[in-house]
mmCIF file of all heavy atoms, coordinates in Angstrom:
data_MODEL
# 
_entry.id   MODEL 
# 
loop_
_atom_site.group_PDB 
_atom_site.id 
_atom_site.type_symbol 
_atom_site.label_atom_id 
_atom_site.label_alt_id 
_atom_site.label_comp_id 
_atom_site.label_asym_id 
_atom_site.label_entity_id 
_atom_site.label_seq_id 
_atom_site.pdbx_PDB_ins_code 
_atom_site.Cartn_x 
_atom_site.Cartn_y 
_atom_site.Cartn_z 
_atom_site.occupancy 
_atom_site.B_iso_or_equiv 
_atom_site.pdbx_formal_charge 
_atom_site.auth_seq_id 
_atom_site.auth_comp_id 
_atom_site.auth_asym_id 
_atom_site.auth_atom_id 
_atom_site.pdbx_PDB_model_num 
ATOM 1   N N   . SER A 1 1  ? -10.459 -2.816  -12.371 1.00 0.00 ? 1  SER A N   1 
ATOM 2   C CA  . SER A 1 1  ? -10.132 -1.532  -12.990 1.00 0.00 ? 1  SER A CA  1 
ATOM 3   C C   . SER A 1 1  ? -8.986  -0.827  -12.272 1.00 0.00 ? 1  SER A C   1 
ATOM 4   O O   . SER A 1 1  ? -8.572  0.258   -12.689 1.00 0.00 ? 1  SER A O   1 
ATOM 5   C CB  . SER A 1 1  ? -11.358 -0.616  -12.965 1.00 0.00 ? 1  SER A CB  1 
ATOM 6   O OG  . SER A 1 1  ? -12.421 -1.160  -13.726 1.00 0.00 ? 1  SER A OG  1 
ATOM 7   N N   . TYR A 1 2  ? -8.466  -1.470  -11.205 1.00 0.00 ? 2  TYR A N   1 
ATOM 8   C CA  . TYR A 1 2  ? -7.483  -0.785  -10.371 1.00 0.00 ? 2  TYR A CA  1 
ATOM 9   C C   . TYR A 1 2  ? -6.288  -1.664  -10.018 1.00 0.00 ? 2  TYR A C   1 
ATOM 10  O O   . TYR A 1 2  ? -6.436  -2.848  -9.729  1.00 0.00 ? 2  TYR A O   1 
ATOM 11  C CB  . TYR A 1 2  ? -8.140  -0.318  -9.077  1.00 0.00 ? 2  TYR A CB  1 
ATOM 12  C CG  . TYR A 1 2  ? -9.255  0.667   -9.318  1.00 0.00 ? 2  TYR A CG  1 
ATOM 13  C CD1 . TYR A 1 2  ? -10.564 0.225   -9.423  1.00 0.00 ? 2  TYR A CD1 1 
ATOM 14  C CD2 . TYR A 1 2  ? -8.997  2.015   -9.477  1.00 0.00 ? 2  TYR A CD2 1 
ATOM 15  C CE1 . TYR A 1 2  ? -11.587 1.120   -9.676  1.00 0.00 ? 2  TYR A CE1 1 
ATOM 16  C CE2 . TYR A 1 2  ? -10.012 2.923   -9.726  1.00 0.00 ? 2  TYR A CE2 1 
ATOM 17  C CZ  . TYR A 1 2  ? -11.306 2.463   -9.829  1.00 0.00 ? 2  TYR A CZ  1 
ATOM 18  O OH  . TYR A 1 2  ? -12.316 3.356   -10.084 1.00 0.00 ? 2  TYR A OH  1 
ATOM 19  N N   . ASN A 1 3  ? -5.120  -1.035  -10.035 1.00 0.00 ? 3  ASN A N   1 
ATOM 20  C CA  . ASN A 1 3  ? -3.953  -1.580  -9.373  1.00 0.00 ? 3  ASN A CA  1 
ATOM 21  C C   . ASN A 1 3  ? -4.064  -1.183  -7.909  1.00 0.00 ? 3  ASN A C   1 
ATOM 22  O O   . ASN A 1 3  ? -4.477  -0.058  -7.601  1.00 0.00 ? 3  ASN A O   1 
ATOM 23  C CB  . ASN A 1 3  ? -2.671  -1.008  -9.973  1.00 0.00 ? 3  ASN A CB  1 
ATOM 24  C CG  . ASN A 1 3  ? -2.534  -1.373  -11.434 1.00 0.00 ? 3  ASN A CG  1 
ATOM 25  O OD1 . ASN A 1 3  ? -2.417  -2.540  -11.803 1.00 0.00 ? 3  ASN A OD1 1 
ATOM 26  N ND2 . ASN A 1 3  ? -2.561  -0.358  -12.306 1.00 0.00 ? 3  ASN A ND2 1 
ATOM 27  N N   . MET A 1 4  ? -3.701  -2.082  -7.010  1.00 0.00 ? 4  MET A N   1 
ATOM 28  C CA  . MET A 1 4  ? -3.976  -1.865  -5.600  1.00 0.00 ? 4  MET A CA  1 
ATOM 29  C C   . MET A 1 4  ? -2.714  -1.920  -4.755  1.00 0.00 ? 4  MET A C   1 
ATOM 30  O O   . MET A 1 4  ? -1.722  -2.541  -5.126  1.00 0.00 ? 4  MET A O   1 
ATOM 31  C CB  . MET A 1 4  ? -4.950  -2.933  -5.092  1.00 0.00 ? 4  MET A CB  1 
ATOM 32  C CG  . MET A 1 4  ? -6.274  -2.995  -5.830  1.00 0.00 ? 4  MET A CG  1 
ATOM 33  S SD  . MET A 1 4  ? -7.275  -1.510  -5.628  1.00 0.00 ? 4  MET A SD  1 
ATOM 34  C CE  . MET A 1 4  ? -7.625  -1.580  -3.874  1.00 0.00 ? 4  MET A CE  1 
ATOM 35  N N   . GLY A 1 5  ? -2.812  -1.275  -3.590  1.00 0.00 ? 5  GLY A N   1 
ATOM 36  C CA  . GLY A 1 5  ? -1.680  -1.297  -2.676  1.00 0.00 ? 5  GLY A CA  1 
ATOM 37  C C   . GLY A 1 5  ? -2.131  -1.242  -1.231  1.00 0.00 ? 5  GLY A C   1 
ATOM 38  O O   . GLY A 1 5  ? -3.267  -0.851  -0.931  1.00 0.00 ? 5  GLY A O   1 
ATOM 39  N N   . TRP A 1 6  ? -1.258  -1.671  -0.356  1.00 0.00 ? 6  TRP A N   1 
ATOM 40  C CA  . TRP A 1 6  ? -1.437  -1.521  1.085   1.00 0.00 ? 6  TRP A CA  1 
ATOM 41  C C   . TRP A 1 6  ? -0.289  -0.650  1.613   1.00 0.00 ? 6  TRP A C   1 
ATOM 42  O O   . TRP A 1 6  ? 0.882   -0.878  1.257   1.00 0.00 ? 6  TRP A O   1 
ATOM 43  C CB  . TRP A 1 6  ? -1.399  -2.867  1.794   1.00 0.00 ? 6  TRP A CB  1 
ATOM 44  C CG  . TRP A 1 6  ? -2.633  -3.697  1.647   1.00 0.00 ? 6  TRP A CG  1 
ATOM 45  C CD1 . TRP A 1 6  ? -2.844  -4.712  0.763   1.00 0.00 ? 6  TRP A CD1 1 
ATOM 46  C CD2 . TRP A 1 6  ? -3.829  -3.591  2.430   1.00 0.00 ? 6  TRP A CD2 1 
ATOM 47  N NE1 . TRP A 1 6  ? -4.099  -5.244  0.934   1.00 0.00 ? 6  TRP A NE1 1 
ATOM 48  C CE2 . TRP A 1 6  ? -4.727  -4.582  1.956   1.00 0.00 ? 6  TRP A CE2 1 
ATOM 49  C CE3 . TRP A 1 6  ? -4.250  -2.779  3.491   1.00 0.00 ? 6  TRP A CE3 1 
ATOM 50  C CZ2 . TRP A 1 6  ? -6.000  -4.774  2.501   1.00 0.00 ? 6  TRP A CZ2 1 
ATOM 51  C CZ3 . TRP A 1 6  ? -5.506  -2.969  4.022   1.00 0.00 ? 6  TRP A CZ3 1 
ATOM 52  C CH2 . TRP A 1 6  ? -6.367  -3.949  3.529   1.00 0.00 ? 6  TRP A CH2 1 
ATOM 53  N N   . PHE A 1 7  ? -0.652  0.281   2.455   1.00 0.00 ? 7  PHE A N   1 
ATOM 54  C CA  . PHE A 1 7  ? 0.319   1.142   3.116   1.00 0.00 ? 7  PHE A CA  1 
ATOM 55  C C   . PHE A 1 7  ? 0.021   1.141   4.607   1.00 0.00 ? 7  PHE A C   1 
ATOM 56  O O   . PHE A 1 7  ? -1.056  0.715   5.020   1.00 0.00 ? 7  PHE A O   1 
ATOM 57  C CB  . PHE A 1 7  ? 0.222   2.570   2.567   1.00 0.00 ? 7  PHE A CB  1 
ATOM 58  C CG  . PHE A 1 7  ? 0.676   2.691   1.137   1.00 0.00 ? 7  PHE A CG  1 
ATOM 59  C CD1 . PHE A 1 7  ? -0.160  2.305   0.095   1.00 0.00 ? 7  PHE A CD1 1 
ATOM 60  C CD2 . PHE A 1 7  ? 1.930   3.177   0.821   1.00 0.00 ? 7  PHE A CD2 1 
ATOM 61  C CE1 . PHE A 1 7  ? 0.253   2.387   -1.229  1.00 0.00 ? 7  PHE A CE1 1 
ATOM 62  C CE2 . PHE A 1 7  ? 2.358   3.268   -0.494  1.00 0.00 ? 7  PHE A CE2 1 
ATOM 63  C CZ  . PHE A 1 7  ? 1.512   2.871   -1.514  1.00 0.00 ? 7  PHE A CZ  1 
ATOM 64  N N   . ARG A 1 8  ? 0.957   1.617   5.404   1.00 0.00 ? 8  ARG A N   1 
ATOM 65  C CA  . ARG A 1 8  ? 0.721   1.706   6.842   1.00 0.00 ? 8  ARG A CA  1 
ATOM 66  C C   . ARG A 1 8  ? 1.379   2.950   7.411   1.00 0.00 ? 8  ARG A C   1 
ATOM 67  O O   . ARG A 1 8  ? 2.349   3.464   6.844   1.00 0.00 ? 8  ARG A O   1 
ATOM 68  C CB  . ARG A 1 8  ? 1.237   0.456   7.560   1.00 0.00 ? 8  ARG A CB  1 
ATOM 69  C CG  . ARG A 1 8  ? 2.752   0.288   7.533   1.00 0.00 ? 8  ARG A CG  1 
ATOM 70  C CD  . ARG A 1 8  ? 3.141   -1.044  8.157   1.00 0.00 ? 8  ARG A CD  1 
ATOM 71  N NE  . ARG A 1 8  ? 4.596   -1.237  8.187   1.00 0.00 ? 8  ARG A NE  1 
ATOM 72  C CZ  . ARG A 1 8  ? 5.185   -2.363  8.555   1.00 0.00 ? 8  ARG A CZ  1 
ATOM 73  N NH1 . ARG A 1 8  ? 4.472   -3.417  8.930   1.00 0.00 ? 8  ARG A NH1 1 
ATOM 74  N NH2 . ARG A 1 8  ? 6.513   -2.437  8.555   1.00 0.00 ? 8  ARG A NH2 1 
ATOM 75  N N   . GLN A 1 9  ? 0.811   3.384   8.522   1.00 0.00 ? 9  GLN A N   1 
ATOM 76  C CA  . GLN A 1 9  ? 1.365   4.554   9.208   1.00 0.00 ? 9  GLN A CA  1 
ATOM 77  C C   . GLN A 1 9  ? 1.407   4.267   10.693  1.00 0.00 ? 9  GLN A C   1 
ATOM 78  O O   . GLN A 1 9  ? 0.354   4.150   11.347  1.00 0.00 ? 9  GLN A O   1 
ATOM 79  C CB  . GLN A 1 9  ? 0.535   5.804   8.917   1.00 0.00 ? 9  GLN A CB  1 
ATOM 80  C CG  . GLN A 1 9  ? 1.155   7.078   9.446   1.00 0.00 ? 9  GLN A CG  1 
ATOM 81  C CD  . GLN A 1 9  ? 0.537   8.316   8.836   1.00 0.00 ? 9  GLN A CD  1 
ATOM 82  O OE1 . GLN A 1 9  ? -0.519  8.260   8.196   1.00 0.00 ? 9  GLN A OE1 1 
ATOM 83  N NE2 . GLN A 1 9  ? 1.191   9.460   9.002   1.00 0.00 ? 9  GLN A NE2 1 
ATOM 84  N N   . GLY A 1 10 ? 2.615   4.108   11.215  1.00 0.00 ? 10 GLY A N   1 
ATOM 85  C CA  . GLY A 1 10 ? 2.805   3.860   12.629  1.00 0.00 ? 10 GLY A CA  1 
ATOM 86  C C   . GLY A 1 10 ? 2.790   5.146   13.425  1.00 0.00 ? 10 GLY A C   1 
ATOM 87  O O   . GLY A 1 10 ? 2.866   6.247   12.851  1.00 0.00 ? 10 GLY A O   1 
ATOM 88  N N   . PRO A 1 11 ? 2.725   5.046   14.742  1.00 0.00 ? 11 PRO A N   1 
ATOM 89  C CA  . PRO A 1 11 ? 2.690   6.232   15.602  1.00 0.00 ? 11 PRO A CA  1 
ATOM 90  C C   . PRO A 1 11 ? 3.914   7.117   15.368  1.00 0.00 ? 11 PRO A C   1 
ATOM 91  O O   . PRO A 1 11 ? 5.050   6.657   15.477  1.00 0.00 ? 11 PRO A O   1 
ATOM 92  C CB  . PRO A 1 11 ? 2.694   5.644   17.015  1.00 0.00 ? 11 PRO A CB  1 
ATOM 93  C CG  . PRO A 1 11 ? 2.206   4.243   16.856  1.00 0.00 ? 11 PRO A CG  1 
ATOM 94  C CD  . PRO A 1 11 ? 2.649   3.793   15.512  1.00 0.00 ? 11 PRO A CD  1 
ATOM 95  N N   . GLY A 1 12 ? 3.678   8.374   15.026  1.00 0.00 ? 12 GLY A N   1 
ATOM 96  C CA  . GLY A 1 12 ? 4.766   9.304   14.823  1.00 0.00 ? 12 GLY A CA  1 
ATOM 97  C C   . GLY A 1 12 ? 5.593   9.064   13.574  1.00 0.00 ? 12 GLY A C   1 
ATOM 98  O O   . GLY A 1 12 ? 6.683   9.633   13.430  1.00 0.00 ? 12 GLY A O   1 
ATOM 99  N N   . LYS A 1 13 ? 5.085   8.230   12.677  1.00 0.00 ? 13 LYS A N   1 
ATOM 100 C CA  . LYS A 1 13 ? 5.842   7.911   11.472  1.00 0.00 ? 13 LYS A CA  1 
ATOM 101 C C   . LYS A 1 13 ? 5.092   8.352   10.222  1.00 0.00 ? 13 LYS A C   1 
ATOM 102 O O   . LYS A 1 13 ? 3.896   8.616   10.262  1.00 0.00 ? 13 LYS A O   1 
ATOM 103 C CB  . LYS A 1 13 ? 6.097   6.400   11.396  1.00 0.00 ? 13 LYS A CB  1 
ATOM 104 C CG  . LYS A 1 13 ? 6.922   5.849   12.538  1.00 0.00 ? 13 LYS A CG  1 
ATOM 105 C CD  . LYS A 1 13 ? 7.134   4.359   12.367  1.00 0.00 ? 13 LYS A CD  1 
ATOM 106 C CE  . LYS A 1 13 ? 7.968   3.778   13.494  1.00 0.00 ? 13 LYS A CE  1 
ATOM 107 N NZ  . LYS A 1 13 ? 8.160   2.308   13.322  1.00 0.00 ? 13 LYS A NZ  1 
ATOM 108 N N   . GLU A 1 14 ? 5.814   8.418   9.124   1.00 0.00 ? 14 GLU A N   1 
ATOM 109 C CA  . GLU A 1 14 ? 5.176   8.712   7.852   1.00 0.00 ? 14 GLU A CA  1 
ATOM 110 C C   . GLU A 1 14 ? 4.528   7.452   7.296   1.00 0.00 ? 14 GLU A C   1 
ATOM 111 O O   . GLU A 1 14 ? 4.906   6.335   7.644   1.00 0.00 ? 14 GLU A O   1 
ATOM 112 C CB  . GLU A 1 14 ? 6.218   9.250   6.862   1.00 0.00 ? 14 GLU A CB  1 
ATOM 113 C CG  . GLU A 1 14 ? 6.801   10.600  7.245   1.00 0.00 ? 14 GLU A CG  1 
ATOM 114 C CD  . GLU A 1 14 ? 7.710   11.157  6.176   1.00 0.00 ? 14 GLU A CD  1 
ATOM 115 O OE1 . GLU A 1 14 ? 8.038   10.429  5.223   1.00 0.00 ? 14 GLU A OE1 1 
ATOM 116 O OE2 . GLU A 1 14 ? 8.099   12.335  6.288   1.00 0.00 ? 14 GLU A OE2 1 
ATOM 117 N N   . ARG A 1 15 ? 3.560   7.651   6.434   1.00 0.00 ? 15 ARG A N   1 
ATOM 118 C CA  . ARG A 1 15 ? 2.925   6.517   5.782   1.00 0.00 ? 15 ARG A CA  1 
ATOM 119 C C   . ARG A 1 15 ? 3.938   5.832   4.872   1.00 0.00 ? 15 ARG A C   1 
ATOM 120 O O   . ARG A 1 15 ? 4.656   6.491   4.118   1.00 0.00 ? 15 ARG A O   1 
ATOM 121 C CB  . ARG A 1 15 ? 1.701   6.978   4.986   1.00 0.00 ? 15 ARG A CB  1 
ATOM 122 C CG  . ARG A 1 15 ? 0.783   5.870   4.567   1.00 0.00 ? 15 ARG A CG  1 
ATOM 123 C CD  . ARG A 1 15 ? -0.527  6.404   4.002   1.00 0.00 ? 15 ARG A CD  1 
ATOM 124 N NE  . ARG A 1 15 ? -1.269  7.175   4.988   1.00 0.00 ? 15 ARG A NE  1 
ATOM 125 C CZ  . ARG A 1 15 ? -2.520  7.598   4.812   1.00 0.00 ? 15 ARG A CZ  1 
ATOM 126 N NH1 . ARG A 1 15 ? -3.152  7.312   3.679   1.00 0.00 ? 15 ARG A NH1 1 
ATOM 127 N NH2 . ARG A 1 15 ? -3.123  8.306   5.732   1.00 0.00 ? 15 ARG A NH2 1 
ATOM 128 N N   . GLU A 1 16 ? 3.966   4.504   4.940   1.00 0.00 ? 16 GLU A N   1 
ATOM 129 C CA  . GLU A 1 16 ? 4.947   3.759   4.158   1.00 0.00 ? 16 GLU A CA  1 
ATOM 130 C C   . GLU A 1 16 ? 4.319   2.620   3.380   1.00 0.00 ? 16 GLU A C   1 
ATOM 131 O O   . GLU A 1 16 ? 3.270   2.089   3.750   1.00 0.00 ? 16 GLU A O   1 
ATOM 132 C CB  . GLU A 1 16 ? 6.040   3.197   5.081   1.00 0.00 ? 16 GLU A CB  1 
ATOM 133 C CG  . GLU A 1 16 ? 5.554   2.171   6.077   1.00 0.00 ? 16 GLU A CG  1 
ATOM 134 C CD  . GLU A 1 16 ? 6.678   1.576   6.912   1.00 0.00 ? 16 GLU A CD  1 
ATOM 135 O OE1 . GLU A 1 16 ? 7.848   2.009   6.772   1.00 0.00 ? 16 GLU A OE1 1 
ATOM 136 O OE2 . GLU A 1 16 ? 6.387   0.647   7.701   1.00 0.00 ? 16 GLU A OE2 1 
ATOM 137 N N   . PHE A 1 17 ? 5.010   2.238   2.324   1.00 0.00 ? 17 PHE A N   1 
ATOM 138 C CA  . PHE A 1 17 ? 4.560   1.152   1.464   1.00 0.00 ? 17 PHE A CA  1 
ATOM 139 C C   . PHE A 1 17 ? 4.692   -0.180  2.168   1.00 0.00 ? 17 PHE A C   1 
ATOM 140 O O   . PHE A 1 17 ? 5.676   -0.450  2.855   1.00 0.00 ? 17 PHE A O   1 
ATOM 141 C CB  . PHE A 1 17 ? 5.410   1.152   0.188   1.00 0.00 ? 17 PHE A CB  1 
ATOM 142 C CG  . PHE A 1 17 ? 5.240   -0.067  -0.667  1.00 0.00 ? 17 PHE A CG  1 
ATOM 143 C CD1 . PHE A 1 17 ? 4.092   -0.236  -1.410  1.00 0.00 ? 17 PHE A CD1 1 
ATOM 144 C CD2 . PHE A 1 17 ? 6.230   -1.036  -0.717  1.00 0.00 ? 17 PHE A CD2 1 
ATOM 145 C CE1 . PHE A 1 17 ? 3.933   -1.358  -2.201  1.00 0.00 ? 17 PHE A CE1 1 
ATOM 146 C CE2 . PHE A 1 17 ? 6.086   -2.159  -1.505  1.00 0.00 ? 17 PHE A CE2 1 
ATOM 147 C CZ  . PHE A 1 17 ? 4.933   -2.324  -2.256  1.00 0.00 ? 17 PHE A CZ  1 
ATOM 148 N N   . VAL A 1 18 ? 3.686   -1.043  1.963   1.00 0.00 ? 18 VAL A N   1 
ATOM 149 C CA  . VAL A 1 18 ? 3.718   -2.399  2.499   1.00 0.00 ? 18 VAL A CA  1 
ATOM 150 C C   . VAL A 1 18 ? 3.684   -3.431  1.376   1.00 0.00 ? 18 VAL A C   1 
ATOM 151 O O   . VAL A 1 18 ? 4.533   -4.314  1.300   1.00 0.00 ? 18 VAL A O   1 
ATOM 152 C CB  . VAL A 1 18 ? 2.534   -2.662  3.453   1.00 0.00 ? 18 VAL A CB  1 
ATOM 153 C CG1 . VAL A 1 18 ? 2.535   -4.112  3.940   1.00 0.00 ? 18 VAL A CG1 1 
ATOM 154 C CG2 . VAL A 1 18 ? 2.574   -1.705  4.636   1.00 0.00 ? 18 VAL A CG2 1 
ATOM 155 N N   . ALA A 1 19 ? 2.682   -3.304  0.484   1.00 0.00 ? 19 ALA A N   1 
ATOM 156 C CA  . ALA A 1 19 ? 2.525   -4.311  -0.565  1.00 0.00 ? 19 ALA A CA  1 
ATOM 157 C C   . ALA A 1 19 ? 1.711   -3.714  -1.710  1.00 0.00 ? 19 ALA A C   1 
ATOM 158 O O   . ALA A 1 19 ? 0.918   -2.796  -1.508  1.00 0.00 ? 19 ALA A O   1 
ATOM 159 C CB  . ALA A 1 19 ? 1.825   -5.549  -0.013  1.00 0.00 ? 19 ALA A CB  1 
ATOM 160 N N   . ALA A 1 20 ? 1.924   -4.267  -2.902  1.00 0.00 ? 20 ALA A N   1 
ATOM 161 C CA  . ALA A 1 20 ? 1.176   -3.814  -4.070  1.00 0.00 ? 20 ALA A CA  1 
ATOM 162 C C   . ALA A 1 20 ? 0.894   -5.002  -4.980  1.00 0.00 ? 20 ALA A C   1 
ATOM 163 O O   . ALA A 1 20 ? 1.656   -5.981  -5.005  1.00 0.00 ? 20 ALA A O   1 
ATOM 164 C CB  . ALA A 1 20 ? 1.957   -2.746  -4.836  1.00 0.00 ? 20 ALA A CB  1 
ATOM 165 N N   . ILE A 1 21 ? -0.205  -4.895  -5.745  1.00 0.00 ? 21 ILE A N   1 
ATOM 166 C CA  . ILE A 1 21 ? -0.586  -5.955  -6.660  1.00 0.00 ? 21 ILE A CA  1 
ATOM 167 C C   . ILE A 1 21 ? -1.210  -5.336  -7.896  1.00 0.00 ? 21 ILE A C   1 
ATOM 168 O O   . ILE A 1 21 ? -1.948  -4.356  -7.810  1.00 0.00 ? 21 ILE A O   1 
ATOM 169 C CB  . ILE A 1 21 ? -1.549  -6.953  -5.958  1.00 0.00 ? 21 ILE A CB  1 
ATOM 170 C CG1 . ILE A 1 21 ? -1.781  -8.190  -6.822  1.00 0.00 ? 21 ILE A CG1 1 
ATOM 171 C CG2 . ILE A 1 21 ? -2.855  -6.275  -5.565  1.00 0.00 ? 21 ILE A CG2 1 
ATOM 172 C CD1 . ILE A 1 21 ? -2.456  -9.330  -6.049  1.00 0.00 ? 21 ILE A CD1 1 
ATOM 173 N N   . SER A 1 22 ? -0.879  -5.893  -9.044  1.00 0.00 ? 22 SER A N   1 
ATOM 174 C CA  . SER A 1 22 ? -1.415  -5.377  -10.298 1.00 0.00 ? 22 SER A CA  1 
ATOM 175 C C   . SER A 1 22 ? -2.885  -5.740  -10.446 1.00 0.00 ? 22 SER A C   1 
ATOM 176 O O   . SER A 1 22 ? -3.418  -6.588  -9.717  1.00 0.00 ? 22 SER A O   1 
ATOM 177 C CB  . SER A 1 22 ? -0.617  -5.936  -11.472 1.00 0.00 ? 22 SER A CB  1 
ATOM 178 O OG  . SER A 1 22 ? -0.697  -7.365  -11.476 1.00 0.00 ? 22 SER A OG  1 
ATOM 179 N N   . TRP A 1 23 ? -3.551  -5.141  -11.425 1.00 0.00 ? 23 TRP A N   1 
ATOM 180 C CA  . TRP A 1 23 ? -4.992  -5.275  -11.566 1.00 0.00 ? 23 TRP A CA  1 
ATOM 181 C C   . TRP A 1 23 ? -5.446  -6.720  -11.736 1.00 0.00 ? 23 TRP A C   1 
ATOM 182 O O   . TRP A 1 23 ? -6.506  -7.098  -11.270 1.00 0.00 ? 23 TRP A O   1 
ATOM 183 C CB  . TRP A 1 23 ? -5.512  -4.419  -12.728 1.00 0.00 ? 23 TRP A CB  1 
ATOM 184 C CG  . TRP A 1 23 ? -5.046  -4.870  -14.080 1.00 0.00 ? 23 TRP A CG  1 
ATOM 185 C CD1 . TRP A 1 23 ? -3.951  -4.420  -14.764 1.00 0.00 ? 23 TRP A CD1 1 
ATOM 186 C CD2 . TRP A 1 23 ? -5.648  -5.868  -14.918 1.00 0.00 ? 23 TRP A CD2 1 
ATOM 187 N NE1 . TRP A 1 23 ? -3.827  -5.084  -15.956 1.00 0.00 ? 23 TRP A NE1 1 
ATOM 188 C CE2 . TRP A 1 23 ? -4.854  -5.972  -16.083 1.00 0.00 ? 23 TRP A CE2 1 
ATOM 189 C CE3 . TRP A 1 23 ? -6.772  -6.686  -14.786 1.00 0.00 ? 23 TRP A CE3 1 
ATOM 190 C CZ2 . TRP A 1 23 ? -5.155  -6.851  -17.105 1.00 0.00 ? 23 TRP A CZ2 1 
ATOM 191 C CZ3 . TRP A 1 23 ? -7.075  -7.563  -15.808 1.00 0.00 ? 23 TRP A CZ3 1 
ATOM 192 C CH2 . TRP A 1 23 ? -6.271  -7.654  -16.951 1.00 0.00 ? 23 TRP A CH2 1 
ATOM 193 N N   . GLY A 1 24 ? -4.644  -7.533  -12.384 1.00 0.00 ? 24 GLY A N   1 
ATOM 194 C CA  . GLY A 1 24 ? -5.010  -8.930  -12.613 1.00 0.00 ? 24 GLY A CA  1 
ATOM 195 C C   . GLY A 1 24 ? -4.380  -9.890  -11.624 1.00 0.00 ? 24 GLY A C   1 
ATOM 196 O O   . GLY A 1 24 ? -4.637  -11.102 -11.673 1.00 0.00 ? 24 GLY A O   1 
ATOM 197 N N   . GLY A 1 25 ? -3.536  -9.372  -10.732 1.00 0.00 ? 25 GLY A N   1 
ATOM 198 C CA  . GLY A 1 25 ? -2.871  -10.210 -9.748  1.00 0.00 ? 25 GLY A CA  1 
ATOM 199 C C   . GLY A 1 25 ? -1.595  -10.859 -10.233 1.00 0.00 ? 25 GLY A C   1 
ATOM 200 O O   . GLY A 1 25 ? -0.951  -11.611 -9.504  1.00 0.00 ? 25 GLY A O   1 
# 
């Protein structure tokens, strides 16, 4: 039911995009 993503936030940094995948892959 969801499109998914991975994000990351390093020390002193803003959260940033890493990877994304649609609901069916």
